[in-house]
C-alpha atoms as a PDB file:
ATOM      1  CA  MET A   1      59.993  49.923  61.203  1.00  0.00           C
ATOM      2  CA  GLU A   2      59.697  47.039  58.826  1.00  0.00           C
ATOM      3  CA  ASP A   3      62.565  46.242  56.595  1.00  0.00           C
ATOM      4  CA  GLU A   4      62.737  47.537  53.401  1.00  0.00           C
ATOM      5  CA  LYS A   5      61.152  45.358  50.594  1.00  0.00           C
ATOM      6  CA  ASP A   6      62.410  44.855  46.892  1.00  0.00           C
ATOM      7  CA  ASN A   7      59.839  47.243  45.659  1.00  0.00           C
ATOM      8  CA  TYR A   8      60.893  50.229  48.456  1.00  0.00           C
ATOM      9  CA  PHE A   9      62.941  53.166  46.840  1.00  0.00           C
ATOM     10  CA  LYS A  10      65.955  53.654  49.326  1.00  0.00           C
ATOM     11  CA  GLY A  11      66.805  57.395  49.530  1.00  0.00           C
ATOM     12  CA  ARG A  12      63.197  58.825  48.341  1.00  0.00           C
ATOM     13  CA  GLY A  13      60.410  59.766  50.822  1.00  0.00           C
ATOM     14  CA  ALA A  14      57.296  59.338  47.970  1.00  0.00           C
ATOM     15  CA  GLN A  15      56.762  55.539  46.879  1.00  0.00           C
ATOM     16  CA  LEU A  16      55.199  56.424  43.944  1.00  0.00           C
ATOM     17  CA  ASN A  17      54.107  58.843  41.372  1.00  0.00           C
ATOM     18  CA  THR A  18      50.360  60.089  42.003  1.00  0.00           C
ATOM     19  CA  ASP A  19      48.553  61.720  39.172  1.00  0.00           C
ATOM     20  CA  ASN A  20      49.037  64.536  37.911  1.00  0.00           C
ATOM     21  CA  ARG A  21      45.448  66.518  38.265  1.00  0.00           C
ATOM     22  CA  PHE A  22      45.867  68.747  35.196  1.00  0.00           C
ATOM     23  CA  LEU A  23      47.041  66.375  32.968  1.00  0.00           C
ATOM     24  CA  LYS A  24      44.402  64.120  30.636  1.00  0.00           C
ATOM     25  CA  GLN A  25      46.485  61.403  30.233  1.00  0.00           C
ATOM     26  CA  THR A  26      48.530  59.160  32.708  1.00  0.00           C
ATOM     27  CA  TYR A  27      50.933  56.549  33.671  1.00  0.00           C
ATOM     28  CA  ALA A  28      49.448  52.889  34.279  1.00  0.00           C
ATOM     29  CA  THR A  29      51.205  49.720  35.985  1.00  0.00           C
ATOM     30  CA  GLU A  30      48.994  47.506  34.393  1.00  0.00           C
ATOM     31  CA  HIS A  31      51.681  46.067  31.772  1.00  0.00           C
ATOM     32  CA  ILE A  32      55.005  46.375  33.674  1.00  0.00           C
ATOM     33  CA  GLU A  33      57.031  45.137  30.858  1.00  0.00           C
ATOM     34  CA  ALA A  34      56.032  47.957  28.569  1.00  0.00           C
ATOM     35  CA  LEU A  35      56.707  51.033  30.941  1.00  0.00           C
ATOM     36  CA  ASP A  36      59.750  52.811  30.543  1.00  0.00           C
ATOM     37  CA  GLU A  37      62.244  51.691  32.979  1.00  0.00           C
ATOM     38  CA  GLU A  38      62.491  55.278  34.467  1.00  0.00           C
ATOM     39  CA  PHE A  39      58.906  55.312  35.867  1.00  0.00           C
ATOM     40  CA  LEU A  40      59.277  51.908  37.527  1.00  0.00           C
ATOM     41  CA  SER A  41      62.643  52.560  38.955  1.00  0.00           C
ATOM     42  CA  ASN A  42      64.700  54.508  41.375  1.00  0.00           C
ATOM     43  CA  SER A  43      66.281  56.641  39.031  1.00  0.00           C
ATOM     44  CA  LYS A  44      68.570  59.110  39.408  1.00  0.00           C
ATOM     45  CA  THR A  45      67.392  63.031  40.080  1.00  0.00           C
ATOM     46  CA  THR A  46      66.898  64.967  36.709  1.00  0.00           C
ATOM     47  CA  TYR A  47      67.722  68.737  36.498  1.00  0.00           C
ATOM     48  CA  TYR A  48      65.774  71.182  34.144  1.00  0.00           C
ATOM     49  CA  HIS A  49      66.645  74.593  33.693  1.00  0.00           C
ATOM     50  CA  ASP A  50      63.836  77.458  33.488  1.00  0.00           C
ATOM     51  CA  ASN A  51      64.029  81.536  33.099  1.00  0.00           C
ATOM     52  CA  PRO A  52      61.149  82.626  34.678  1.00  0.00           C
ATOM     53  CA  LYS A  53      59.613  86.169  34.213  1.00  0.00           C
ATOM     54  CA  LYS A  54      58.848  86.747  37.967  1.00  0.00           C
ATOM     55  CA  ILE A  55      60.653  85.488  41.019  1.00  0.00           C
ATOM     56  CA  ILE A  56      58.959  87.154  43.630  1.00  0.00           C
ATOM     57  CA  ASN A  57      55.611  86.083  44.775  1.00  0.00           C
ATOM     58  CA  LYS A  58      52.912  87.784  46.734  1.00  0.00           C
ATOM     59  CA  ILE A  59      51.282  85.491  49.573  1.00  0.00           C
ATOM     60  CA  SER A  60      47.815  85.682  49.756  1.00  0.00           C
ATOM     61  CA  SER A  61      47.224  83.301  52.790  1.00  0.00           C
ATOM     62  CA  PRO A  62      46.190  85.096  56.249  1.00  0.00           C
ATOM     63  CA  ASP A  63      47.984  81.633  57.902  1.00  0.00           C
ATOM     64  CA  ILE A  64      51.492  83.132  56.654  1.00  0.00           C
ATOM     65  CA  PRO A  65      52.879  86.347  58.507  1.00  0.00           C
ATOM     66  CA  SER A  66      55.146  87.454  55.760  1.00  0.00           C
ATOM     67  CA  GLY A  67      53.904  89.202  52.322  1.00  0.00           C
ATOM     68  CA  TYR A  68      56.186  87.804  49.547  1.00  0.00           C
ATOM     69  CA  SER A  69      58.131  84.491  48.953  1.00  0.00           C
ATOM     70  CA  MET A  70      60.770  83.289  46.337  1.00  0.00           C
ATOM     71  CA  ASN A  71      61.980  80.182  45.081  1.00  0.00           C
ATOM     72  CA  PRO A  72      65.234  79.644  43.256  1.00  0.00           C
ATOM     73  CA  TYR A  73      64.317  76.026  42.848  1.00  0.00           C
ATOM     74  CA  GLN A  74      60.858  73.839  41.888  1.00  0.00           C
ATOM     75  CA  GLY A  75      60.728  70.510  43.226  1.00  0.00           C
ATOM     76  CA  CYS A  76      63.181  69.099  46.358  1.00  0.00           C
ATOM     77  CA  GLU A  77      65.814  66.243  46.352  1.00  0.00           C
ATOM     78  CA  HIS A  78      65.050  66.355  50.077  1.00  0.00           C
ATOM     79  CA  GLY A  79      62.029  63.868  49.384  1.00  0.00           C
ATOM     80  CA  CYS A  80      60.479  64.980  53.037  1.00  0.00           C
ATOM     81  CA  ILE A  81      57.158  62.790  52.606  1.00  0.00           C
ATOM     82  CA  TYR A  82      55.041  65.294  54.341  1.00  0.00           C
ATOM     83  CA  CYS A  83      56.076  68.416  52.138  1.00  0.00           C
ATOM     84  CA  TYR A  84      52.875  70.400  51.224  1.00  0.00           C
ATOM     85  CA  ALA A  85      54.586  72.436  48.479  1.00  0.00           C
ATOM     86  CA  ARG A  86      54.690  68.315  46.493  1.00  0.00           C
ATOM     87  CA  THR A  87      51.256  69.394  44.578  1.00  0.00           C
ATOM     88  CA  THR A  88      53.093  72.410  43.131  1.00  0.00           C
ATOM     89  CA  HIS A  89      54.568  70.536  40.927  1.00  0.00           C
ATOM     90  CA  GLU A  90      51.880  69.590  38.746  1.00  0.00           C
ATOM     91  CA  TYR A  91      51.533  72.712  37.592  1.00  0.00           C
ATOM     92  CA  TYR A  92      54.932  72.020  35.732  1.00  0.00           C
ATOM     93  CA  GLY A  93      53.502  68.981  34.045  1.00  0.00           C
ATOM     94  CA  PHE A  94      54.966  66.618  36.795  1.00  0.00           C
ATOM     95  CA  SER A  95      53.558  64.160  39.772  1.00  0.00           C
ATOM     96  CA  ALA A  96      53.836  65.138  43.326  1.00  0.00           C
ATOM     97  CA  GLY A  97      54.936  61.958  44.425  1.00  0.00           C
ATOM     98  CA  LEU A  98      58.623  60.793  42.827  1.00  0.00           C
ATOM     99  CA  ASP A  99      58.965  63.303  40.622  1.00  0.00           C
ATOM    100  CA  PHE A 100      58.728  66.429  43.177  1.00  0.00           C
ATOM    101  CA  GLU A 101      62.091  64.919  44.440  1.00  0.00           C
ATOM    102  CA  ARG A 102      63.798  63.545  41.089  1.00  0.00           C
ATOM    103  CA  LYS A 103      63.122  66.539  38.644  1.00  0.00           C
ATOM    104  CA  ILE A 104      64.023  69.695  40.041  1.00  0.00           C
ATOM    105  CA  ILE A 105      63.738  72.869  38.500  1.00  0.00           C
ATOM    106  CA  ILE A 106      66.562  75.556  38.453  1.00  0.00           C
ATOM    107  CA  LYS A 107      65.536  78.858  38.248  1.00  0.00           C
ATOM    108  CA  GLU A 108      68.874  80.248  36.588  1.00  0.00           C
ATOM    109  CA  ASN A 109      68.018  84.046  36.075  1.00  0.00           C
ATOM    110  CA  ALA A 110      66.484  84.457  39.728  1.00  0.00           C
ATOM    111  CA  PRO A 111      69.206  87.107  41.001  1.00  0.00           C
ATOM    112  CA  GLN A 112      68.872  89.279  38.206  1.00  0.00           C
ATOM    113  CA  LEU A 113      64.674  89.090  38.636  1.00  0.00           C
ATOM    114  CA  LEU A 114      65.317  89.785  42.194  1.00  0.00           C
ATOM    115  CA  GLU A 115      67.127  93.017  41.557  1.00  0.00           C
ATOM    116  CA  LYS A 116      64.932  94.211  38.856  1.00  0.00           C
ATOM    117  CA  GLU A 117      62.085  94.161  40.990  1.00  0.00           C
ATOM    118  CA  LEU A 118      63.834  95.680  44.091  1.00  0.00           C
ATOM    119  CA  MET A 119      64.973  98.186  41.501  1.00  0.00           C
ATOM    120  CA  LYS A 120      61.064  99.426  40.824  1.00  0.00           C
ATOM    121  CA  LYS A 121      60.054 102.750  42.216  1.00  0.00           C
ATOM    122  CA  ASN A 122      56.971 101.300  42.944  1.00  0.00           C
ATOM    123  CA  TRP A 123      58.597  98.515  45.438  1.00  0.00           C
ATOM    124  CA  GLU A 124      57.196  98.697  49.008  1.00  0.00           C
ATOM    125  CA  VAL A 125      59.777  96.957  51.570  1.00  0.00           C
ATOM    126  CA  SER A 126      58.396  94.093  53.196  1.00  0.00           C
ATOM    127  CA  PRO A 127      60.230  90.766  54.319  1.00  0.00           C
ATOM    128  CA  ILE A 128      60.562  88.062  51.646  1.00  0.00           C
ATOM    129  CA  MET A 129      60.759  84.294  52.458  1.00  0.00           C
ATOM    130  CA  LEU A 130      63.460  82.257  50.983  1.00  0.00           C
ATOM    131  CA  SER A 131      61.900  79.943  50.117  1.00  0.00           C
ATOM    132  CA  GLY A 132      59.382  78.473  51.776  1.00  0.00           C
ATOM    133  CA  ASN A 133      58.267  76.227  49.004  1.00  0.00           C
ATOM    134  CA  THR A 134      61.076  74.434  48.566  1.00  0.00           C
ATOM    135  CA  ASP A 135      64.310  74.550  50.304  1.00  0.00           C
ATOM    136  CA  CYS A 136      66.768  76.925  48.624  1.00  0.00           C
ATOM    137  CA  TYR A 137      70.083  75.110  50.376  1.00  0.00           C
ATOM    138  CA  GLN A 138      68.789  71.674  48.845  1.00  0.00           C
ATOM    139  CA  PRO A 139      71.771  69.733  47.373  1.00  0.00           C
ATOM    140  CA  ILE A 140      72.008  70.978  43.691  1.00  0.00           C
ATOM    141  CA  GLU A 141      72.889  74.839  45.401  1.00  0.00           C
ATOM    142  CA  ARG A 142      75.922  73.951  46.588  1.00  0.00           C
ATOM    143  CA  LYS A 143      77.014  73.681  42.483  1.00  0.00           C
ATOM    144  CA  MET A 144      74.398  76.922  41.440  1.00  0.00           C
ATOM    145  CA  GLN A 145      74.843  78.744  43.915  1.00  0.00           C
ATOM    146  CA  ILE A 146      71.568  80.861  43.133  1.00  0.00           C
ATOM    147  CA  THR A 147      70.407  81.341  46.807  1.00  0.00           C
ATOM    148  CA  ARG A 148      74.095  83.012  47.487  1.00  0.00           C
ATOM    149  CA  LYS A 149      73.807  85.082  44.496  1.00  0.00           C
ATOM    150  CA  MET A 150      70.207  86.448  45.774  1.00  0.00           C
ATOM    151  CA  LEU A 151      71.444  86.807  49.257  1.00  0.00           C
ATOM    152  CA  GLU A 152      74.223  89.119  47.658  1.00  0.00           C
ATOM    153  CA  VAL A 153      71.467  91.103  45.811  1.00  0.00           C
ATOM    154  CA  LEU A 154      69.163  91.609  49.512  1.00  0.00           C
ATOM    155  CA  LEU A 155      72.403  92.843  50.974  1.00  0.00           C
ATOM    156  CA  LYS A 156      72.985  95.460  48.494  1.00  0.00           C
ATOM    157  CA  PHE A 157      69.546  96.974  48.846  1.00  0.00           C
ATOM    158  CA  LYS A 158      69.732  96.170  52.028  1.00  0.00           C
ATOM    159  CA  HIS A 159      66.126  94.113  52.073  1.00  0.00           C
ATOM    160  CA  PRO A 160      64.953  92.201  54.780  1.00  0.00           C
ATOM    161  CA  VAL A 161      64.803  88.576  54.113  1.00  0.00           C
ATOM    162  CA  GLY A 162      63.430  85.487  56.257  1.00  0.00           C
ATOM    163  CA  MET A 163      64.720  81.998  55.490  1.00  0.00           C
ATOM    164  CA  ILE A 164      63.815  78.364  56.371  1.00  0.00           C
ATOM    165  CA  THR A 165      66.131  75.352  55.784  1.00  0.00           C
ATOM    166  CA  LYS A 166      67.145  71.864  57.127  1.00  0.00           C
ATOM    167  CA  ASN A 167      70.480  71.632  55.140  1.00  0.00           C
ATOM    168  CA  SER A 168      73.738  72.508  56.870  1.00  0.00           C
ATOM    169  CA  LEU A 169      74.928  74.498  53.527  1.00  0.00           C
ATOM    170  CA  ILE A 170      73.350  77.650  54.754  1.00  0.00           C
ATOM    171  CA  LEU A 171      76.900  77.824  56.626  1.00  0.00           C
ATOM    172  CA  ARG A 172      78.692  78.561  53.955  1.00  0.00           C
ATOM    173  CA  ASP A 173      76.620  82.285  53.480  1.00  0.00           C
ATOM    174  CA  THR A 174      77.497  82.913  56.851  1.00  0.00           C
ATOM    175  CA  ASP A 175      79.391  85.739  55.804  1.00  0.00           C
ATOM    176  CA  ILE A 176      76.593  87.592  53.992  1.00  0.00           C
ATOM    177  CA  LEU A 177      73.923  86.769  56.748  1.00  0.00           C
ATOM    178  CA  SER A 178      76.266  87.805  59.365  1.00  0.00           C
ATOM    179  CA  GLU A 179      76.828  91.370  57.524  1.00  0.00           C
ATOM    180  CA  MET A 180      72.778  91.546  56.676  1.00  0.00           C
ATOM    181  CA  ALA A 181      72.315  90.885  60.680  1.00  0.00           C
ATOM    182  CA  LYS A 182      74.407  93.712  61.683  1.00  0.00           C
ATOM    183  CA  HIS A 183      71.751  95.664  59.790  1.00  0.00           C
ATOM    184  CA  GLN A 184      68.849  93.582  61.133  1.00  0.00           C
ATOM    185  CA  LEU A 185      67.806  92.050  57.910  1.00  0.00           C
ATOM    186  CA  VAL A 186      67.454  88.695  58.538  1.00  0.00           C
ATOM    187  CA  HIS A 187      65.826  85.826  60.692  1.00  0.00           C
ATOM    188  CA  VAL A 188      66.719  82.132  59.689  1.00  0.00           C
ATOM    189  CA  MET A 189      64.650  79.079  60.894  1.00  0.00           C
ATOM    190  CA  VAL A 190      66.107  75.888  61.363  1.00  0.00           C
ATOM    191  CA  SER A 191      63.387  73.042  60.685  1.00  0.00           C
ATOM    192  CA  ILE A 192      63.647  70.029  62.840  1.00  0.00           C
ATOM    193  CA  THR A 193      61.328  67.429  62.966  1.00  0.00           C
ATOM    194  CA  SER A 194      63.058  64.394  64.812  1.00  0.00           C
ATOM    195  CA  LEU A 195      66.046  63.886  66.884  1.00  0.00           C
ATOM    196  CA  ASP A 196      65.917  59.883  65.755  1.00  0.00           C
ATOM    197  CA  ASN A 197      67.894  59.714  63.027  1.00  0.00           C
ATOM    198  CA  ASP A 198      65.966  56.416  61.415  1.00  0.00           C
ATOM    199  CA  LEU A 199      62.882  58.320  61.799  1.00  0.00           C
ATOM    200  CA  ARG A 200      64.558  61.294  59.819  1.00  0.00           C
ATOM    201  CA  LEU A 201      65.842  59.240  57.431  1.00  0.00           C
ATOM    202  CA  ALA A 202      62.201  57.573  56.699  1.00  0.00           C
ATOM    203  CA  MET A 203      60.237  60.902  56.504  1.00  0.00           C
ATOM    204  CA  GLU A 204      63.295  63.076  55.017  1.00  0.00           C
ATOM    205  CA  PRO A 205      66.089  60.399  53.273  1.00  0.00           C
ATOM    206  CA  ARG A 206      68.234  63.030  51.731  1.00  0.00           C
ATOM    207  CA  THR A 207      68.113  65.331  54.861  1.00  0.00           C
ATOM    208  CA  THR A 208      70.967  66.445  57.065  1.00  0.00           C
ATOM    209  CA  THR A 209      70.836  65.262  60.538  1.00  0.00           C
ATOM    210  CA  ALA A 210      69.410  66.809  63.481  1.00  0.00           C
ATOM    211  CA  LYS A 211      72.795  67.174  64.949  1.00  0.00           C
ATOM    212  CA  GLN A 212      74.069  69.394  61.997  1.00  0.00           C
ATOM    213  CA  ARG A 213      70.790  70.918  61.918  1.00  0.00           C
ATOM    214  CA  LEU A 214      71.931  71.996  65.935  1.00  0.00           C
ATOM    215  CA  LYS A 215      75.052  72.963  64.814  1.00  0.00           C
ATOM    216  CA  VAL A 216      73.801  75.420  62.223  1.00  0.00           C
ATOM    217  CA  ILE A 217      71.714  77.408  64.910  1.00  0.00           C
ATOM    218  CA  GLU A 218      74.794  77.375  67.330  1.00  0.00           C
ATOM    219  CA  GLU A 219      77.079  78.450  64.347  1.00  0.00           C
ATOM    220  CA  LEU A 220      74.787  81.420  63.148  1.00  0.00           C
ATOM    221  CA  THR A 221      74.102  82.615  66.304  1.00  0.00           C
ATOM    222  CA  LYS A 222      77.743  82.837  67.097  1.00  0.00           C
ATOM    223  CA  ALA A 223      77.804  84.767  63.850  1.00  0.00           C
ATOM    224  CA  GLY A 224      74.878  87.248  65.332  1.00  0.00           C
ATOM    225  CA  VAL A 225      72.597  85.823  62.868  1.00  0.00           C
ATOM    226  CA  PRO A 226      69.006  85.313  65.000  1.00  0.00           C
ATOM    227  CA  ALA A 227      68.077  81.497  64.284  1.00  0.00           C
ATOM    228  CA  GLY A 228      65.260  79.844  65.656  1.00  0.00           C
ATOM    229  CA  VAL A 229      63.826  76.075  65.266  1.00  0.00           C
ATOM    230  CA  MET A 230      60.510  74.781  63.276  1.00  0.00           C
ATOM    231  CA  THR A 231      59.164  71.677  64.607  1.00  0.00           C
ATOM    232  CA  ALA A 232      57.171  71.323  61.399  1.00  0.00           C
ATOM    233  CA  PRO A 233      55.095  69.737  60.668  1.00  0.00           C
ATOM    234  CA  ILE A 234      54.320  67.969  63.586  1.00  0.00           C
ATOM    235  CA  ILE A 235      52.871  64.382  63.074  1.00  0.00           C
ATOM    236  CA  PRO A 236      50.477  62.875  65.993  1.00  0.00           C
ATOM    237  CA  GLY A 237      51.494  59.646  66.830  1.00  0.00           C
ATOM    238  CA  LEU A 238      54.804  60.056  64.933  1.00  0.00           C
ATOM    239  CA  ASN A 239      56.788  62.702  65.952  1.00  0.00           C
ATOM    240  CA  SER A 240      54.596  64.620  68.574  1.00  0.00           C
ATOM    241  CA  ASP A 241      56.463  63.308  71.663  1.00  0.00           C
ATOM    242  CA  GLU A 242      59.704  64.821  70.515  1.00  0.00           C
ATOM    243  CA  ILE A 243      58.320  68.625  70.793  1.00  0.00           C
ATOM    244  CA  PRO A 244      60.164  69.291  74.241  1.00  0.00           C
ATOM    245  CA  ALA A 245      63.128  67.885  73.677  1.00  0.00           C
ATOM    246  CA  ILE A 246      63.639  69.655  70.069  1.00  0.00           C
ATOM    247  CA  ILE A 247      63.154  72.993  71.662  1.00  0.00           C
ATOM    248  CA  GLU A 248      64.998  71.838  74.515  1.00  0.00           C
ATOM    249  CA  GLU A 249      68.230  71.118  72.469  1.00  0.00           C
ATOM    250  CA  ALA A 250      67.500  74.355  70.452  1.00  0.00           C
ATOM    251  CA  ALA A 251      67.655  76.284  72.786  1.00  0.00           C
ATOM    252  CA  LYS A 252      71.111  74.879  74.193  1.00  0.00           C
ATOM    253  CA  HIS A 253      72.341  75.420  70.595  1.00  0.00           C
ATOM    254  CA  GLY A 254      71.070  79.412  71.056  1.00  0.00           C
ATOM    255  CA  ALA A 255      67.450  79.435  69.303  1.00  0.00           C
ATOM    256  CA  VAL A 256      66.249  82.386  69.890  1.00  0.00           C
ATOM    257  CA  ASN A 257      62.409  81.309  68.941  1.00  0.00           C
ATOM    258  CA  ALA A 258      60.564  78.487  67.781  1.00  0.00           C
ATOM    259  CA  GLY A 259      57.251  77.894  65.704  1.00  0.00           C
ATOM    260  CA  TYR A 260      55.604  74.548  64.975  1.00  0.00           C
ATOM    261  CA  THR A 261      52.941  73.361  62.567  1.00  0.00           C
ATOM    262  CA  ILE A 262      50.284  70.145  62.189  1.00  0.00           C
ATOM    263  CA  VAL A 263      50.719  68.406  59.026  1.00  0.00           C
ATOM    264  CA  ARG A 264      47.993  68.540  56.537  1.00  0.00           C
ATOM    265  CA  LEU A 265      47.878  66.400  53.660  1.00  0.00           C
ATOM    266  CA  ASN A 266      46.352  68.339  50.909  1.00  0.00           C
ATOM    267  CA  GLY A 267      45.924  67.205  47.409  1.00  0.00           C
ATOM    268  CA  SER A 268      47.794  64.260  46.242  1.00  0.00           C
ATOM    269  CA  ILE A 269      50.196  64.364  49.347  1.00  0.00           C
ATOM    270  CA  LYS A 270      46.724  62.641  51.129  1.00  0.00           C
ATOM    271  CA  ASN A 271      47.726  59.472  48.784  1.00  0.00           C
ATOM    272  CA  ILE A 272      51.467  59.942  48.651  1.00  0.00           C
ATOM    273  CA  PHE A 273      51.919  59.897  52.698  1.00  0.00           C
ATOM    274  CA  GLU A 274      49.070  57.226  53.130  1.00  0.00           C
ATOM    275  CA  ASP A 275      51.172  54.600  50.676  1.00  0.00           C
ATOM    276  CA  TRP A 276      54.710  55.816  52.532  1.00  0.00           C
ATOM    277  CA  ILE A 277      53.400  55.152  56.000  1.00  0.00           C
ATOM    278  CA  LYS A 278      51.549  51.775  55.353  1.00  0.00           C
ATOM    279  CA  LYS A 279      54.655  50.458  53.584  1.00  0.00           C
ATOM    280  CA  THR A 280      57.091  52.309  56.497  1.00  0.00           C
ATOM    281  CA  PHE A 281      55.427  52.240  59.417  1.00  0.00           C
ATOM    282  CA  PRO A 282      52.620  49.040  59.269  1.00  0.00           C
ATOM    283  CA  ASP A 283      51.942  48.802  62.337  1.00  0.00           C
ATOM    284  CA  ARG A 284      50.794  52.098  63.344  1.00  0.00           C
ATOM    285  CA  ALA A 285      49.616  53.499  60.041  1.00  0.00           C
ATOM    286  CA  GLU A 286      45.818  53.492  60.770  1.00  0.00           C
ATOM    287  CA  LYS A 287      46.618  55.127  63.960  1.00  0.00           C
ATOM    288  CA  VAL A 288      48.398  57.876  62.810  1.00  0.00           C
ATOM    289  CA  LEU A 289      46.116  58.764  60.083  1.00  0.00           C
ATOM    290  CA  HIS A 290      43.293  58.683  62.273  1.00  0.00           C
ATOM    291  CA  GLN A 291      45.046  61.212  64.593  1.00  0.00           C
ATOM    292  CA  ILE A 292      45.992  63.569  61.875  1.00  0.00           C
ATOM    293  CA  ALA A 293      41.975  63.324  60.426  1.00  0.00           C
ATOM    294  CA  GLU A 294      40.836  63.874  64.029  1.00  0.00           C
ATOM    295  CA  CYS A 295      43.415  67.162  64.179  1.00  0.00           C
ATOM    296  CA  HIS A 296      41.519  68.459  61.280  1.00  0.00           C
ATOM    297  CA  GLY A 297      38.024  68.288  61.601  1.00  0.00           C
ATOM    298  CA  GLY A 298      37.416  64.588  59.841  1.00  0.00           C
ATOM    299  CA  ASN A 299      39.519  65.831  56.822  1.00  0.00           C
ATOM    300  CA  VAL A 300      43.289  65.384  56.325  1.00  0.00           C
ATOM    301  CA  GLU A 301      43.317  67.796  53.754  1.00  0.00           C
ATOM    302  CA  ASP A 302      41.755  71.260  55.494  1.00  0.00           C
ATOM    303  CA  ARG A 303      41.748  73.922  53.414  1.00  0.00           C
ATOM    304  CA  ARG A 304      40.226  76.024  56.573  1.00  0.00           C
ATOM    305  CA  PHE A 305      42.410  79.110  56.825  1.00  0.00           C
ATOM    306  CA  GLY A 306      43.376  79.562  60.751  1.00  0.00           C
ATOM    307  CA  THR A 307      42.868  75.871  61.429  1.00  0.00           C
ATOM    308  CA  ARG A 308      44.808  73.979  58.915  1.00  0.00           C
ATOM    309  CA  MET A 309      48.370  74.654  60.134  1.00  0.00           C
ATOM    310  CA  ARG A 310      47.451  74.477  63.784  1.00  0.00           C
ATOM    311  CA  GLY A 311      44.673  71.881  63.799  1.00  0.00           C
ATOM    312  CA  GLU A 312      41.749  71.392  66.299  1.00  0.00           C
ATOM    313  CA  GLY A 313      40.218  69.187  68.715  1.00  0.00           C
ATOM    314  CA  LYS A 314      41.752  67.148  71.757  1.00  0.00           C
ATOM    315  CA  ILE A 315      44.883  66.205  69.870  1.00  0.00           C
ATOM    316  CA  ALA A 316      45.817  69.770  68.375  1.00  0.00           C
ATOM    317  CA  GLU A 317      45.071  70.905  71.778  1.00  0.00           C
ATOM    318  CA  SER A 318      47.546  68.698  73.228  1.00  0.00           C
ATOM    319  CA  ILE A 319      50.223  69.399  70.799  1.00  0.00           C
ATOM    320  CA  ARG A 320      49.965  73.328  71.439  1.00  0.00           C
ATOM    321  CA  MET A 321      49.905  72.879  75.118  1.00  0.00           C
ATOM    322  CA  LEU A 322      53.279  70.831  74.890  1.00  0.00           C
ATOM    323  CA  PHE A 323      54.907  73.048  72.872  1.00  0.00           C
ATOM    324  CA  LYS A 324      53.716  76.256  74.444  1.00  0.00           C
ATOM    325  CA  THR A 325      55.089  74.429  77.739  1.00  0.00           C
ATOM    326  CA  ALA A 326      58.655  73.649  76.272  1.00  0.00           C
ATOM    327  CA  VAL A 327      58.806  77.324  74.661  1.00  0.00           C
ATOM    328  CA  LYS A 328      58.151  78.882  78.501  1.00  0.00           C
ATOM    329  CA  LYS A 329      60.542  76.824  79.999  1.00  0.00           C
ATOM    330  CA  HIS A 330      63.417  76.877  77.778  1.00  0.00           C
ATOM    331  CA  MET A 331      62.890  79.844  76.051  1.00  0.00           C
ATOM    332  CA  SER A 332      61.046  82.192  78.272  1.00  0.00           C
ATOM    333  CA  ASN A 333      64.253  84.954  78.060  1.00  0.00           C
ATOM    334  CA  ARG A 334      64.809  85.612  74.609  1.00  0.00           C
ATOM    335  CA  MET A 335      64.804  88.728  72.717  1.00  0.00           C
ATOM    336  CA  SER A 336      62.498  89.469  69.869  1.00  0.00           C
ATOM    337  CA  TYR A 337      64.493  90.505  66.455  1.00  0.00           C
ATOM    338  CA  PRO A 338      62.163  92.781  64.570  1.00  0.00           C
ATOM    339  CA  TYR A 339      63.089  93.659  60.827  1.00  0.00           C
ATOM    340  CA  ASN A 340      64.761  96.850  59.863  1.00  0.00           C
ATOM    341  CA  LEU A 341      62.354  98.095  57.260  1.00  0.00           C
ATOM    342  CA  THR A 342      64.353 101.582  56.750  1.00  0.00           C
ATOM    343  CA  ALA A 343      67.610 100.832  55.640  1.00  0.00           C
ATOM    344  CA  PHE A 344      66.560 100.200  52.260  1.00  0.00           C
ATOM    345  CA  THR A 345      68.732 101.625  49.299  1.00  0.00           C
ATOM    346  CA  ARG A 346      68.491 101.490  45.646  1.00  0.00           C
ATOM    347  CA  PRO A 347      72.197 101.103  44.379  1.00  0.00           C
ATOM    348  CA  VAL A 348      72.491 104.440  41.883  1.00  0.00           C
ATOM    349  CA  VAL A 349      72.652 103.741  38.369  1.00  0.00           C
ATOM    350  CA  ARG A 350      75.537 105.641  36.976  1.00  0.00           C
ATOM    351  CA  LYS A 351      75.531 106.507  32.795  1.00  0.00           C
ATOM    352  CA  ASN A 352      78.108 105.654  30.824  1.00  0.00           C
ATOM    353  CA  LYS A 353      80.609 108.059  29.809  1.00  0.00           C
ATOM    354  CA  ASN A 354      79.029 109.154  26.271  1.00  0.00           C
ATOM    355  CA  GLN A 355      76.058 110.009  28.114  1.00  0.00           C
ATOM    356  CA  LEU A 356      78.010 112.054  30.708  1.00  0.00           C
ATOM    357  CA  ASP A 357      79.478 113.945  27.688  1.00  0.00           C
ATOM    358  CA  LEU A 358      76.139 115.470  26.955  1.00  0.00           C
ATOM    359  CA  PHE A 359      76.158 117.207  29.935  1.00  0.00           C
ATOM    360  CA  GLU A 360      79.712 118.685  30.184  1.00  0.00           C
END
């Protein structure tokens, strides 16, 4: 990896702000002296508070097994360069690039919205993914505790939830998660993309180390919480050779299962990733980009259901076999942990004293 240049934004994944496809007007760097300093510098993270009307979203993609998802935050300070959720930031008027990781939207009323939805008589119990779009344990969660409050609601209703994170902050909520696990209501996937700390810092600049993530798996498992490892995304030519080592280490720390996806560069992420890899790994940038394209029929954006997450062709097949062999070797005797969909209960809403008096 080449030395950082003066224009390299240290501690950020994206190194530019791409145009927002929904906006007619955009910034340009034709006259640098006239532009806002924040636009050109590595500015601090800014937080925006929002009160949406709904928090549970129906997942329509056949590639994702969970029926619903909810995200207490929009945007993610972790700054993962490959994140497929970057393009969703454009719906808020921001860029999928630097804006995604330094302009974070906080959904303060998420716990209340969740409880309101679960109280509806027509709600049908189905596992909800928390988060799936951005990490629900990104740095601001330490202060806001929205994710914890949402877990408290889920426990009260005994409603099943799936979680995916790469932040060790999840261990703060072990008390709630272990109680949910007693009723088979929770499953956690810990994302590990590399055991190489230099590569992690380049791809995911504000995330916790692989060592700490392995500890998360170990501690959750000890607490009775089923935890697996998500080796995703696999980037051919960058981290694909680490699959066996990641699965082996995760298994040693108690991981109950494993999953993977192959990177795809949808929308603006194509330009963001290409700019990043040419600046960060100039010696292998073209090879990596070529192999990603080869996994997706020549189109790095690949919108086809069924193939977009696993890819196709010789490279994708070799990745699949590498993953399959590693899982068979290190996790062949692992148990399955199905969700309990029968424990769901709605709290009794008590009338106030004056109302009760009417019937006495």
